[in-house]
PDB file of all heavy atoms in Angstrom:
ATOM      1  N   SER A   1       0.835  -1.198   0.000  1.00  0.00           N
ATOM      2  CA  SER A   1       0.000   0.000   0.000  1.00  0.00           C
ATOM      3  C   SER A   1       0.872   1.251   0.000  1.00  0.00           C
ATOM      4  O   SER A   1       1.943   1.280   0.606  1.00  0.00           O
ATOM      5  CB  SER A   1      -0.931   0.001   1.212  1.00  0.00           C
ATOM      6  OG  SER A   1      -0.188  -0.026   2.418  1.00  0.00           O
ATOM      7  N   TYR A   2       0.401   2.258  -0.672  1.00  0.00           N
ATOM      8  CA  TYR A   2       1.175   3.483  -0.862  1.00  0.00           C
ATOM      9  C   TYR A   2       1.487   4.186   0.459  1.00  0.00           C
ATOM     10  O   TYR A   2       2.488   4.901   0.567  1.00  0.00           O
ATOM     11  CB  TYR A   2       0.403   4.422  -1.795  1.00  0.00           C
ATOM     12  CG  TYR A   2       1.105   5.734  -2.062  1.00  0.00           C
ATOM     13  CD1 TYR A   2       2.311   5.775  -2.754  1.00  0.00           C
ATOM     14  CD2 TYR A   2       0.553   6.938  -1.618  1.00  0.00           C
ATOM     15  CE1 TYR A   2       2.956   6.982  -3.009  1.00  0.00           C
ATOM     16  CE2 TYR A   2       1.189   8.154  -1.866  1.00  0.00           C
ATOM     17  CZ  TYR A   2       2.384   8.164  -2.558  1.00  0.00           C
ATOM     18  OH  TYR A   2       3.017   9.349  -2.802  1.00  0.00           O
ATOM     19  N   ASP A   3       0.661   3.978   1.467  1.00  0.00           N
ATOM     20  CA  ASP A   3       0.840   4.724   2.712  1.00  0.00           C
ATOM     21  C   ASP A   3       2.176   4.427   3.391  1.00  0.00           C
ATOM     22  O   ASP A   3       2.696   5.274   4.114  1.00  0.00           O
ATOM     23  CB  ASP A   3      -0.313   4.451   3.687  1.00  0.00           C
ATOM     24  CG  ASP A   3      -0.364   2.995   4.131  1.00  0.00           C
ATOM     25  OD1 ASP A   3      -0.637   2.135   3.272  1.00  0.00           O
ATOM     26  OD2 ASP A   3      -0.130   2.724   5.322  1.00  0.00           O
ATOM     27  N   ILE A   4       2.753   3.240   3.156  1.00  0.00           N
ATOM     28  CA  ILE A   4       4.037   2.947   3.811  1.00  0.00           C
ATOM     29  C   ILE A   4       5.229   3.516   3.029  1.00  0.00           C
ATOM     30  O   ILE A   4       6.345   3.548   3.539  1.00  0.00           O
ATOM     31  CB  ILE A   4       4.233   1.433   4.073  1.00  0.00           C
ATOM     32  CG1 ILE A   4       4.265   0.637   2.766  1.00  0.00           C
ATOM     33  CG2 ILE A   4       3.158   0.909   5.006  1.00  0.00           C
ATOM     34  CD1 ILE A   4       4.622  -0.834   2.964  1.00  0.00           C
ATOM     35  N   LEU A   5       4.976   3.969   1.808  1.00  0.00           N
ATOM     36  CA  LEU A   5       6.001   4.676   1.055  1.00  0.00           C
ATOM     37  C   LEU A   5       5.848   6.181   1.208  1.00  0.00           C
ATOM     38  O   LEU A   5       6.835   6.930   1.210  1.00  0.00           O
ATOM     39  CB  LEU A   5       5.931   4.295  -0.429  1.00  0.00           C
ATOM     40  CG  LEU A   5       6.928   4.980  -1.370  1.00  0.00           C
ATOM     41  CD1 LEU A   5       8.361   4.621  -1.009  1.00  0.00           C
ATOM     42  CD2 LEU A   5       6.633   4.610  -2.823  1.00  0.00           C
ATOM     43  N   TRP A   6       4.614   6.620   1.338  1.00  0.00           N
ATOM     44  CA  TRP A   6       4.327   8.049   1.468  1.00  0.00           C
ATOM     45  C   TRP A   6       5.094   8.633   2.654  1.00  0.00           C
ATOM     46  O   TRP A   6       5.514   7.925   3.563  1.00  0.00           O
ATOM     47  CB  TRP A   6       2.822   8.257   1.660  1.00  0.00           C
ATOM     48  CG  TRP A   6       2.429   9.698   1.661  1.00  0.00           C
ATOM     49  CD1 TRP A   6       2.203  10.489   0.583  1.00  0.00           C
ATOM     50  CD2 TRP A   6       2.252  10.518   2.812  1.00  0.00           C
ATOM     51  NE1 TRP A   6       1.894  11.768   0.980  1.00  0.00           N
ATOM     52  CE2 TRP A   6       1.915  11.810   2.356  1.00  0.00           C
ATOM     53  CE3 TRP A   6       2.341  10.308   4.193  1.00  0.00           C
ATOM     54  CZ2 TRP A   6       1.651  12.876   3.210  1.00  0.00           C
ATOM     55  CZ3 TRP A   6       2.092  11.358   5.049  1.00  0.00           C
ATOM     56  CH2 TRP A   6       1.745  12.632   4.556  1.00  0.00           C
ATOM     57  N   GLY A   7       5.246   9.929   2.649  1.00  0.00           N
ATOM     58  CA  GLY A   7       6.017  10.577   3.709  1.00  0.00           C
ATOM     59  C   GLY A   7       7.476  10.705   3.322  1.00  0.00           C
ATOM     60  O   GLY A   7       8.359  10.761   4.178  1.00  0.00           O
ATOM     61  N   GLU A   8       7.721  10.737   2.024  1.00  0.00           N
ATOM     62  CA  GLU A   8       9.065  10.927   1.476  1.00  0.00           C
ATOM     63  C   GLU A   8      10.050   9.843   1.900  1.00  0.00           C
ATOM     64  O   GLU A   8      11.257  10.076   2.013  1.00  0.00           O
ATOM     65  CB  GLU A   8       9.600  12.327   1.809  1.00  0.00           C
ATOM     66  CG  GLU A   8       8.709  13.412   1.225  1.00  0.00           C
ATOM     67  CD  GLU A   8       9.285  14.814   1.327  1.00  0.00           C
ATOM     68  OE1 GLU A   8      10.308  14.990   2.013  1.00  0.00           O
ATOM     69  OE2 GLU A   8       8.690  15.730   0.719  1.00  0.00           O
ATOM     70  N   ARG A   9       9.511   8.638   2.108  1.00  0.00           N
ATOM     71  CA  ARG A   9      10.413   7.498   2.271  1.00  0.00           C
ATOM     72  C   ARG A   9      11.038   7.187   0.908  1.00  0.00           C
ATOM     73  O   ARG A   9      10.425   7.401  -0.128  1.00  0.00           O
ATOM     74  CB  ARG A   9       9.662   6.296   2.822  1.00  0.00           C
ATOM     75  CG  ARG A   9       9.139   6.502   4.244  1.00  0.00           C
ATOM     76  CD  ARG A   9       8.298   5.319   4.699  1.00  0.00           C
ATOM     77  NE  ARG A   9       7.809   5.500   6.051  1.00  0.00           N
ATOM     78  CZ  ARG A   9       6.664   6.121   6.374  1.00  0.00           C
ATOM     79  NH1 ARG A   9       5.903   6.640   5.410  1.00  0.00           N
ATOM     80  NH2 ARG A   9       6.299   6.230   7.626  1.00  0.00           N
ATOM     81  N   VAL A  10      12.250   6.652   0.919  1.00  0.00           N
ATOM     82  CA  VAL A  10      13.014   6.403  -0.313  1.00  0.00           C
ATOM     83  C   VAL A  10      13.449   4.948  -0.347  1.00  0.00           C
ATOM     84  O   VAL A  10      13.929   4.409   0.669  1.00  0.00           O
ATOM     85  CB  VAL A  10      14.265   7.316  -0.373  1.00  0.00           C
ATOM     86  CG1 VAL A  10      15.121   6.976  -1.589  1.00  0.00           C
ATOM     87  CG2 VAL A  10      13.866   8.786  -0.389  1.00  0.00           C
ATOM     88  N   ILE A  11      13.311   4.312  -1.508  1.00  0.00           N
ATOM     89  CA  ILE A  11      13.881   2.980  -1.744  1.00  0.00           C
ATOM     90  C   ILE A  11      14.954   3.123  -2.808  1.00  0.00           C
ATOM     91  O   ILE A  11      14.716   3.720  -3.864  1.00  0.00           O
ATOM     92  CB  ILE A  11      12.824   1.984  -2.247  1.00  0.00           C
ATOM     93  CG1 ILE A  11      11.643   1.900  -1.291  1.00  0.00           C
ATOM     94  CG2 ILE A  11      13.442   0.602  -2.434  1.00  0.00           C
ATOM     95  CD1 ILE A  11      10.487   1.075  -1.838  1.00  0.00           C
ATOM     96  N   ARG A  12      16.145   2.597  -2.543  1.00  0.00           N
ATOM     97  CA  ARG A  12      17.200   2.657  -3.552  1.00  0.00           C
ATOM     98  C   ARG A  12      18.052   1.394  -3.499  1.00  0.00           C
ATOM     99  O   ARG A  12      18.051   0.653  -2.507  1.00  0.00           O
ATOM    100  CB  ARG A  12      18.066   3.896  -3.364  1.00  0.00           C
ATOM    101  CG  ARG A  12      18.847   3.978  -2.069  1.00  0.00           C
ATOM    102  CD  ARG A  12      19.688   5.241  -2.034  1.00  0.00           C
ATOM    103  NE  ARG A  12      20.567   5.329  -3.201  1.00  0.00           N
ATOM    104  CZ  ARG A  12      21.285   6.417  -3.502  1.00  0.00           C
ATOM    105  NH1 ARG A  12      21.217   7.493  -2.728  1.00  0.00           N
ATOM    106  NH2 ARG A  12      22.079   6.429  -4.556  1.00  0.00           N
ATOM    107  N   SER A  13      18.745   1.151  -4.590  1.00  0.00           N
ATOM    108  CA  SER A  13      19.583  -0.044  -4.687  1.00  0.00           C
ATOM    109  C   SER A  13      21.060   0.340  -4.683  1.00  0.00           C
ATOM    110  O   SER A  13      21.421   1.508  -4.840  1.00  0.00           O
ATOM    111  CB  SER A  13      19.266  -0.818  -5.975  1.00  0.00           C
ATOM    112  OG  SER A  13      19.671  -0.077  -7.113  1.00  0.00           O
ATOM    113  N   VAL A  14      21.878  -0.672  -4.493  1.00  0.00           N
ATOM    114  CA  VAL A  14      23.338  -0.519  -4.568  1.00  0.00           C
ATOM    115  C   VAL A  14      23.829  -1.322  -5.765  1.00  0.00           C
ATOM    116  O   VAL A  14      23.436  -2.482  -5.936  1.00  0.00           O
ATOM    117  CB  VAL A  14      24.011  -1.032  -3.282  1.00  0.00           C
ATOM    118  CG1 VAL A  14      25.516  -1.102  -3.452  1.00  0.00           C
ATOM    119  CG2 VAL A  14      23.660  -0.140  -2.108  1.00  0.00           C
ATOM    120  N   ALA A  15      24.667  -0.727  -6.587  1.00  0.00           N
ATOM    121  CA  ALA A  15      25.227  -1.431  -7.741  1.00  0.00           C
ATOM    122  C   ALA A  15      26.751  -1.446  -7.654  1.00  0.00           C
ATOM    123  O   ALA A  15      27.399  -0.408  -7.792  1.00  0.00           O
ATOM    124  CB  ALA A  15      24.781  -0.769  -9.045  1.00  0.00           C
ATOM    125  N   ASN A  16      27.294  -2.622  -7.376  1.00  0.00           N
ATOM    126  CA  ASN A  16      28.739  -2.827  -7.436  1.00  0.00           C
ATOM    127  C   ASN A  16      29.479  -1.902  -6.463  1.00  0.00           C
ATOM    128  O   ASN A  16      29.008  -1.663  -5.359  1.00  0.00           O
ATOM    129  CB  ASN A  16      29.223  -2.648  -8.883  1.00  0.00           C
ATOM    130  CG  ASN A  16      28.346  -3.413  -9.864  1.00  0.00           C
ATOM    131  OD1 ASN A  16      28.051  -4.573  -9.629  1.00  0.00           O
ATOM    132  ND2 ASN A  16      27.894  -2.773 -10.928  1.00  0.00           N
ATOM    133  N   LEU A  17      30.628  -1.400  -6.821  1.00  0.00           N
ATOM    134  CA  LEU A  17      31.411  -0.501  -5.975  1.00  0.00           C
ATOM    135  C   LEU A  17      32.363   0.280  -6.857  1.00  0.00           C
ATOM    136  O   LEU A  17      32.575  -0.069  -8.017  1.00  0.00           O
ATOM    137  CB  LEU A  17      32.200  -1.265  -4.909  1.00  0.00           C
ATOM    138  CG  LEU A  17      33.464  -2.019  -5.381  1.00  0.00           C
ATOM    139  CD1 LEU A  17      34.438  -2.176  -4.245  1.00  0.00           C
ATOM    140  CD2 LEU A  17      33.108  -3.386  -5.952  1.00  0.00           C
ATOM    141  N   THR A  18      32.925   1.335  -6.303  1.00  0.00           N
ATOM    142  CA  THR A  18      33.962   2.097  -7.000  1.00  0.00           C
ATOM    143  C   THR A  18      35.294   1.885  -6.295  1.00  0.00           C
ATOM    144  O   THR A  18      35.347   1.393  -5.160  1.00  0.00           O
ATOM    145  CB  THR A  18      33.640   3.602  -7.000  1.00  0.00           C
ATOM    146  OG1 THR A  18      33.720   4.093  -5.654  1.00  0.00           O
ATOM    147  CG2 THR A  18      32.253   3.870  -7.564  1.00  0.00           C
ATOM    148  N   ARG A  19      36.359   2.311  -6.961  1.00  0.00           N
ATOM    149  CA  ARG A  19      37.679   2.197  -6.320  1.00  0.00           C
ATOM    150  C   ARG A  19      37.767   3.076  -5.076  1.00  0.00           C
ATOM    151  O   ARG A  19      38.419   2.714  -4.099  1.00  0.00           O
ATOM    152  CB  ARG A  19      38.767   2.556  -7.326  1.00  0.00           C
ATOM    153  CG  ARG A  19      39.026   1.436  -8.325  1.00  0.00           C
ATOM    154  CD  ARG A  19      39.959   1.855  -9.438  1.00  0.00           C
ATOM    155  NE  ARG A  19      39.269   2.698 -10.410  1.00  0.00           N
ATOM    156  CZ  ARG A  19      39.847   3.191 -11.502  1.00  0.00           C
ATOM    157  NH1 ARG A  19      41.127   2.927 -11.748  1.00  0.00           N
ATOM    158  NH2 ARG A  19      39.167   3.931 -12.351  1.00  0.00           N
ATOM    159  N   LYS A  20      37.074   4.195  -5.083  1.00  0.00           N
ATOM    160  CA  LYS A  20      37.071   5.049  -3.896  1.00  0.00           C
ATOM    161  C   LYS A  20      36.376   4.349  -2.731  1.00  0.00           C
ATOM    162  O   LYS A  20      36.800   4.476  -1.577  1.00  0.00           O
ATOM    163  CB  LYS A  20      36.398   6.392  -4.185  1.00  0.00           C
ATOM    164  CG  LYS A  20      36.569   7.409  -3.051  1.00  0.00           C
ATOM    165  CD  LYS A  20      36.020   8.764  -3.421  1.00  0.00           C
ATOM    166  CE  LYS A  20      36.396   9.828  -2.390  1.00  0.00           C
ATOM    167  NZ  LYS A  20      36.013   9.486  -1.016  1.00  0.00           N
ATOM    168  N   ASP A  21      35.295   3.611  -3.027  1.00  0.00           N
ATOM    169  CA  ASP A  21      34.654   2.820  -1.976  1.00  0.00           C
ATOM    170  C   ASP A  21      35.665   1.875  -1.342  1.00  0.00           C
ATOM    171  O   ASP A  21      35.697   1.703  -0.118  1.00  0.00           O
ATOM    172  CB  ASP A  21      33.506   1.982  -2.551  1.00  0.00           C
ATOM    173  CG  ASP A  21      32.329   2.817  -3.016  1.00  0.00           C
ATOM    174  OD1 ASP A  21      32.072   3.875  -2.413  1.00  0.00           O
ATOM    175  OD2 ASP A  21      31.669   2.393  -3.984  1.00  0.00           O
ATOM    176  N   ALA A  22      36.480   1.230  -2.182  1.00  0.00           N
ATOM    177  CA  ALA A  22      37.460   0.284  -1.674  1.00  0.00           C
ATOM    178  C   ALA A  22      38.481   0.966  -0.779  1.00  0.00           C
ATOM    179  O   ALA A  22      38.792   0.488   0.319  1.00  0.00           O
ATOM    180  CB  ALA A  22      38.158  -0.432  -2.833  1.00  0.00           C
ATOM    181  N   GLU A  23      39.005   2.079  -1.233  1.00  0.00           N
ATOM    182  CA  GLU A  23      40.020   2.789  -0.450  1.00  0.00           C
ATOM    183  C   GLU A  23      39.444   3.297   0.869  1.00  0.00           C
ATOM    184  O   GLU A  23      40.031   3.093   1.938  1.00  0.00           O
ATOM    185  CB  GLU A  23      40.581   3.944  -1.281  1.00  0.00           C
ATOM    186  CG  GLU A  23      41.380   3.476  -2.489  1.00  0.00           C
ATOM    187  CD  GLU A  23      41.583   4.567  -3.524  1.00  0.00           C
ATOM    188  OE1 GLU A  23      41.053   5.683  -3.317  1.00  0.00           O
ATOM    189  OE2 GLU A  23      42.250   4.309  -4.546  1.00  0.00           O
ATOM    190  N   ASP A  24      38.281   3.947   0.795  1.00  0.00           N
ATOM    191  CA  ASP A  24      37.686   4.518   1.996  1.00  0.00           C
ATOM    192  C   ASP A  24      37.167   3.433   2.940  1.00  0.00           C
ATOM    193  O   ASP A  24      37.320   3.536   4.165  1.00  0.00           O
ATOM    194  CB  ASP A  24      36.533   5.454   1.623  1.00  0.00           C
ATOM    195  CG  ASP A  24      36.994   6.698   0.886  1.00  0.00           C
ATOM    196  OD1 ASP A  24      38.218   6.943   0.838  1.00  0.00           O
ATOM    197  OD2 ASP A  24      36.136   7.420   0.348  1.00  0.00           O
ATOM    198  N   GLY A  25      36.548   2.402   2.374  1.00  0.00           N
ATOM    199  CA  GLY A  25      35.975   1.346   3.206  1.00  0.00           C
ATOM    200  C   GLY A  25      37.030   0.550   3.946  1.00  0.00           C
ATOM    201  O   GLY A  25      36.865   0.231   5.130  1.00  0.00           O
ATOM    202  N   LEU A  26      38.124   0.212   3.277  1.00  0.00           N
ATOM    203  CA  LEU A  26      39.193  -0.533   3.937  1.00  0.00           C
ATOM    204  C   LEU A  26      39.841   0.298   5.038  1.00  0.00           C
ATOM    205  O   LEU A  26      40.149  -0.210   6.126  1.00  0.00           O
ATOM    206  CB  LEU A  26      40.242  -0.975   2.916  1.00  0.00           C
ATOM    207  CG  LEU A  26      39.803  -2.074   1.939  1.00  0.00           C
ATOM    208  CD1 LEU A  26      40.843  -2.257   0.839  1.00  0.00           C
ATOM    209  CD2 LEU A  26      39.572  -3.390   2.666  1.00  0.00           C
ATOM    210  N   ALA A  27      40.031   1.581   4.776  1.00  0.00           N
ATOM    211  CA  ALA A  27      40.631   2.457   5.786  1.00  0.00           C
ATOM    212  C   ALA A  27      39.736   2.572   7.019  1.00  0.00           C
ATOM    213  O   ALA A  27      40.221   2.526   8.164  1.00  0.00           O
ATOM    214  CB  ALA A  27      40.896   3.836   5.191  1.00  0.00           C
ATOM    215  N   LEU A  28      38.428   2.715   6.815  1.00  0.00           N
ATOM    216  CA  LEU A  28      37.513   2.831   7.948  1.00  0.00           C
ATOM    217  C   LEU A  28      37.440   1.528   8.732  1.00  0.00           C
ATOM    218  O   LEU A  28      37.397   1.539   9.972  1.00  0.00           O
ATOM    219  CB  LEU A  28      36.124   3.232   7.447  1.00  0.00           C
ATOM    220  CG  LEU A  28      35.041   3.404   8.516  1.00  0.00           C
ATOM    221  CD1 LEU A  28      35.465   4.417   9.574  1.00  0.00           C
ATOM    222  CD2 LEU A  28      33.721   3.826   7.875  1.00  0.00           C
ATOM    223  N   ALA A  29      37.439   0.400   8.041  1.00  0.00           N
ATOM    224  CA  ALA A  29      37.395  -0.887   8.728  1.00  0.00           C
ATOM    225  C   ALA A  29      38.591  -1.060   9.657  1.00  0.00           C
ATOM    226  O   ALA A  29      38.468  -1.598  10.766  1.00  0.00           O
ATOM    227  CB  ALA A  29      37.354  -2.026   7.710  1.00  0.00           C
ATOM    228  N   ALA A  30      39.755  -0.584   9.225  1.00  0.00           N
ATOM    229  CA  ALA A  30      40.960  -0.664  10.069  1.00  0.00           C
ATOM    230  C   ALA A  30      40.888   0.319  11.231  1.00  0.00           C
ATOM    231  O   ALA A  30      41.398   0.043  12.326  1.00  0.00           O
ATOM    232  CB  ALA A  30      42.198  -0.405   9.224  1.00  0.00           C
ATOM    233  N   LYS A  31      40.258   1.451  11.014  1.00  0.00           N
ATOM    234  CA  LYS A  31      40.163   2.471  12.062  1.00  0.00           C
ATOM    235  C   LYS A  31      39.257   2.017  13.193  1.00  0.00           C
ATOM    236  O   LYS A  31      39.498   2.338  14.364  1.00  0.00           O
ATOM    237  CB  LYS A  31      39.636   3.777  11.463  1.00  0.00           C
ATOM    238  CG  LYS A  31      39.593   4.944  12.438  1.00  0.00           C
ATOM    239  CD  LYS A  31      39.118   6.218  11.736  1.00  0.00           C
ATOM    240  CE  LYS A  31      39.057   7.387  12.712  1.00  0.00           C
ATOM    241  NZ  LYS A  31      38.589   8.633  12.027  1.00  0.00           N
TER     242      LYS A  31
END
């Protein structure tokens, strides 16, 4: 039902990764 989306809720997907994701993600995991 639309009411559970209404209220400016957002649905989005994730596609793959970038090299920056790899650099930043690995650094944060170590931190």
